[in-house]
Amino acid sequence: MLRGLRAGVLEWDGLGEVPAQEGFDVLHQLLAVVMRPEMREALKDLPDAPEYPQRRNRSFEDFSLAGRRAS
């Protein structure tokens, strides 16, 4: 990811290089889906499952840094 920030492109399996901004947008959207209540329920029993924030919107940005790394 840091390399993508520096170079402006991300290596994406099966797609080659994609613009970093677009790649980060996709990752952000994926995380938004994972934060949905039904996904949280499905993932809660996984080893090292992240503890979800107690804030109402529970977006990825609400996680602590350690929680972001674990998710």
N, C-alpha and C. Protein backbone atom coordinates (compact mmCIF):
# COMPACT_ATOMS: atom_id res chain seq x y z
N MET A 1 0.81 -1.18 0.00
CA MET A 1 0.00 0.00 0.00
C MET A 1 0.87 1.26 0.00
N LEU A 2 1.93 1.21 0.81
CA LEU A 2 2.81 2.39 0.82
C LEU A 2 3.49 2.58 -0.53
N ARG A 3 3.86 1.46 -1.14
CA ARG A 3 4.46 1.54 -2.47
C ARG A 3 3.46 2.16 -3.46
N GLY A 4 2.19 1.77 -3.33
CA GLY A 4 1.15 2.33 -4.18
C GLY A 4 0.98 3.82 -3.98
N LEU A 5 1.09 4.27 -2.75
CA LEU A 5 1.02 5.71 -2.49
C LEU A 5 2.17 6.45 -3.17
N ARG A 6 3.35 5.86 -3.04
CA ARG A 6 4.52 6.52 -3.64
C ARG A 6 4.48 6.50 -5.17
N ALA A 7 4.10 5.35 -5.73
CA ALA A 7 4.14 5.19 -7.18
C ALA A 7 2.87 5.68 -7.87
N GLY A 8 1.78 5.77 -7.11
CA GLY A 8 0.51 6.19 -7.71
C GLY A 8 -0.25 5.06 -8.36
N VAL A 9 0.28 3.83 -8.25
CA VAL A 9 -0.41 2.65 -8.79
C VAL A 9 -0.29 1.50 -7.79
N LEU A 10 -1.28 0.62 -7.83
CA LEU A 10 -1.26 -0.59 -7.00
C LEU A 10 -1.19 -1.80 -7.91
N GLU A 11 -0.44 -2.80 -7.51
CA GLU A 11 -0.42 -4.08 -8.21
C GLU A 11 -1.64 -4.86 -7.73
N TRP A 12 -2.51 -5.21 -8.64
CA TRP A 12 -3.74 -5.91 -8.29
C TRP A 12 -3.73 -7.26 -9.00
N ASP A 13 -3.80 -8.35 -8.22
CA ASP A 13 -3.76 -9.69 -8.81
C ASP A 13 -4.81 -9.82 -9.91
N GLY A 14 -4.39 -10.26 -11.06
CA GLY A 14 -5.29 -10.49 -12.18
C GLY A 14 -5.59 -9.25 -13.01
N LEU A 15 -5.24 -8.08 -12.49
CA LEU A 15 -5.50 -6.83 -13.22
C LEU A 15 -4.25 -6.06 -13.57
N GLY A 16 -3.15 -6.43 -12.98
CA GLY A 16 -1.92 -5.66 -13.20
C GLY A 16 -1.95 -4.40 -12.35
N GLU A 17 -1.53 -3.31 -12.93
CA GLU A 17 -1.50 -2.04 -12.20
C GLU A 17 -2.82 -1.31 -12.35
N VAL A 18 -3.31 -0.80 -11.21
CA VAL A 18 -4.49 0.06 -11.22
C VAL A 18 -4.11 1.37 -10.53
N PRO A 19 -4.74 2.47 -10.89
CA PRO A 19 -4.44 3.73 -10.21
C PRO A 19 -4.69 3.58 -8.70
N ALA A 20 -3.77 4.09 -7.92
CA ALA A 20 -3.84 3.92 -6.47
C ALA A 20 -5.16 4.45 -5.90
N GLN A 21 -5.62 5.59 -6.35
CA GLN A 21 -6.85 6.16 -5.82
C GLN A 21 -8.03 5.21 -6.04
N GLU A 22 -8.11 4.62 -7.22
CA GLU A 22 -9.19 3.67 -7.51
C GLU A 22 -9.06 2.41 -6.66
N GLY A 23 -7.86 1.93 -6.49
CA GLY A 23 -7.64 0.74 -5.66
C GLY A 23 -8.02 0.98 -4.22
N PHE A 24 -7.64 2.14 -3.69
CA PHE A 24 -8.00 2.46 -2.31
C PHE A 24 -9.50 2.66 -2.17
N ASP A 25 -10.15 3.20 -3.19
CA ASP A 25 -11.62 3.34 -3.16
C ASP A 25 -12.29 1.97 -3.08
N VAL A 26 -11.77 1.00 -3.83
CA VAL A 26 -12.32 -0.35 -3.80
C VAL A 26 -12.13 -0.97 -2.42
N LEU A 27 -10.94 -0.82 -1.85
CA LEU A 27 -10.69 -1.37 -0.51
C LEU A 27 -11.61 -0.73 0.52
N HIS A 28 -11.82 0.57 0.41
CA HIS A 28 -12.70 1.27 1.35
C HIS A 28 -14.13 0.74 1.24
N GLN A 29 -14.59 0.53 0.02
CA GLN A 29 -15.94 0.00 -0.19
C GLN A 29 -16.07 -1.42 0.36
N LEU A 30 -15.04 -2.22 0.16
CA LEU A 30 -15.05 -3.59 0.69
C LEU A 30 -15.16 -3.56 2.22
N LEU A 31 -14.41 -2.68 2.85
CA LEU A 31 -14.48 -2.57 4.30
C LEU A 31 -15.86 -2.09 4.76
N ALA A 32 -16.49 -1.22 3.99
CA ALA A 32 -17.84 -0.78 4.33
C ALA A 32 -18.81 -1.96 4.31
N VAL A 33 -18.63 -2.88 3.37
CA VAL A 33 -19.49 -4.07 3.31
C VAL A 33 -19.23 -4.96 4.52
N VAL A 34 -17.97 -5.13 4.88
CA VAL A 34 -17.62 -5.97 6.03
C VAL A 34 -18.21 -5.41 7.32
N MET A 35 -18.41 -4.12 7.38
CA MET A 35 -18.95 -3.48 8.58
C MET A 35 -20.46 -3.64 8.70
N ARG A 36 -21.13 -4.13 7.68
CA ARG A 36 -22.59 -4.30 7.75
C ARG A 36 -22.93 -5.31 8.84
N PRO A 37 -24.07 -5.10 9.53
CA PRO A 37 -24.42 -5.99 10.66
C PRO A 37 -24.41 -7.47 10.32
N GLU A 38 -24.93 -7.85 9.15
CA GLU A 38 -24.97 -9.28 8.82
C GLU A 38 -23.57 -9.85 8.61
N MET A 39 -22.66 -9.03 8.10
CA MET A 39 -21.28 -9.49 7.93
C MET A 39 -20.58 -9.57 9.28
N ARG A 40 -20.81 -8.60 10.14
CA ARG A 40 -20.22 -8.65 11.49
C ARG A 40 -20.64 -9.93 12.19
N GLU A 41 -21.92 -10.26 12.07
CA GLU A 41 -22.44 -11.47 12.71
C GLU A 41 -21.75 -12.71 12.15
N ALA A 42 -21.57 -12.77 10.85
CA ALA A 42 -20.95 -13.92 10.21
C ALA A 42 -19.47 -14.05 10.58
N LEU A 43 -18.81 -12.94 10.84
CA LEU A 43 -17.36 -12.95 11.11
C LEU A 43 -17.00 -13.01 12.58
N LYS A 44 -17.98 -12.88 13.46
CA LYS A 44 -17.67 -12.72 14.88
C LYS A 44 -16.94 -13.90 15.51
N ASP A 45 -17.11 -15.10 14.98
CA ASP A 45 -16.49 -16.28 15.59
C ASP A 45 -15.14 -16.63 14.99
N LEU A 46 -14.67 -15.85 14.06
CA LEU A 46 -13.35 -16.11 13.48
C LEU A 46 -12.26 -15.83 14.51
N PRO A 47 -11.16 -16.58 14.44
CA PRO A 47 -10.04 -16.26 15.34
C PRO A 47 -9.57 -14.82 15.07
N ASP A 48 -9.24 -14.11 16.10
CA ASP A 48 -8.75 -12.73 15.99
C ASP A 48 -9.77 -11.81 15.33
N ALA A 49 -11.06 -12.09 15.49
CA ALA A 49 -12.09 -11.20 14.94
C ALA A 49 -11.95 -9.84 15.60
N PRO A 50 -12.04 -8.77 14.81
CA PRO A 50 -11.89 -7.44 15.40
C PRO A 50 -13.07 -7.11 16.30
N GLU A 51 -12.80 -6.32 17.31
CA GLU A 51 -13.88 -5.81 18.16
C GLU A 51 -14.47 -4.60 17.45
N TYR A 52 -15.75 -4.64 17.21
CA TYR A 52 -16.38 -3.56 16.46
C TYR A 52 -16.61 -2.35 17.36
N PRO A 53 -16.42 -1.15 16.82
CA PRO A 53 -16.61 0.07 17.60
C PRO A 53 -18.06 0.19 18.07
N GLN A 54 -18.26 0.86 19.16
CA GLN A 54 -19.59 1.04 19.70
C GLN A 54 -20.31 2.26 19.12
N ARG A 55 -19.62 3.04 18.31
CA ARG A 55 -20.26 4.21 17.70
C ARG A 55 -21.38 3.78 16.79
N ARG A 56 -22.32 4.65 16.59
CA ARG A 56 -23.53 4.32 15.86
C ARG A 56 -23.28 3.94 14.40
N ASN A 57 -22.43 4.70 13.70
CA ASN A 57 -22.25 4.40 12.28
C ASN A 57 -21.27 3.25 12.04
N ARG A 58 -20.42 2.96 12.99
CA ARG A 58 -19.49 1.83 12.93
C ARG A 58 -18.75 1.72 11.60
N SER A 59 -18.24 2.80 11.13
CA SER A 59 -17.46 2.76 9.90
C SER A 59 -16.04 2.32 10.21
N PHE A 60 -15.33 1.94 9.18
CA PHE A 60 -13.95 1.49 9.36
C PHE A 60 -13.11 2.55 10.07
N GLU A 61 -13.39 3.81 9.81
CA GLU A 61 -12.63 4.89 10.42
C GLU A 61 -12.83 4.96 11.93
N ASP A 62 -13.87 4.31 12.46
CA ASP A 62 -14.11 4.31 13.90
C ASP A 62 -13.21 3.33 14.64
N PHE A 63 -12.58 2.40 13.93
CA PHE A 63 -11.70 1.44 14.57
C PHE A 63 -10.43 2.13 15.09
N SER A 64 -9.88 1.56 16.15
CA SER A 64 -8.55 1.98 16.58
C SER A 64 -7.57 1.50 15.52
N LEU A 65 -6.34 2.00 15.58
CA LEU A 65 -5.32 1.54 14.62
C LEU A 65 -5.10 0.04 14.73
N ALA A 66 -5.07 -0.47 15.96
CA ALA A 66 -4.88 -1.91 16.15
C ALA A 66 -6.06 -2.68 15.56
N GLY A 67 -7.26 -2.16 15.73
CA GLY A 67 -8.44 -2.79 15.17
C GLY A 67 -8.44 -2.76 13.66
N ARG A 68 -7.94 -1.68 13.08
CA ARG A 68 -7.85 -1.59 11.61
C ARG A 68 -6.88 -2.63 11.08
N ARG A 69 -5.79 -2.84 11.78
CA ARG A 69 -4.81 -3.83 11.32
C ARG A 69 -5.37 -5.24 11.43
N ALA A 70 -6.20 -5.49 12.44
CA ALA A 70 -6.74 -6.82 12.66
C ALA A 70 -7.85 -7.16 11.69
N SER A 71 -8.50 -6.14 11.10
CA SER A 71 -9.65 -6.44 10.24
C SER A 71 -9.25 -6.70 8.82
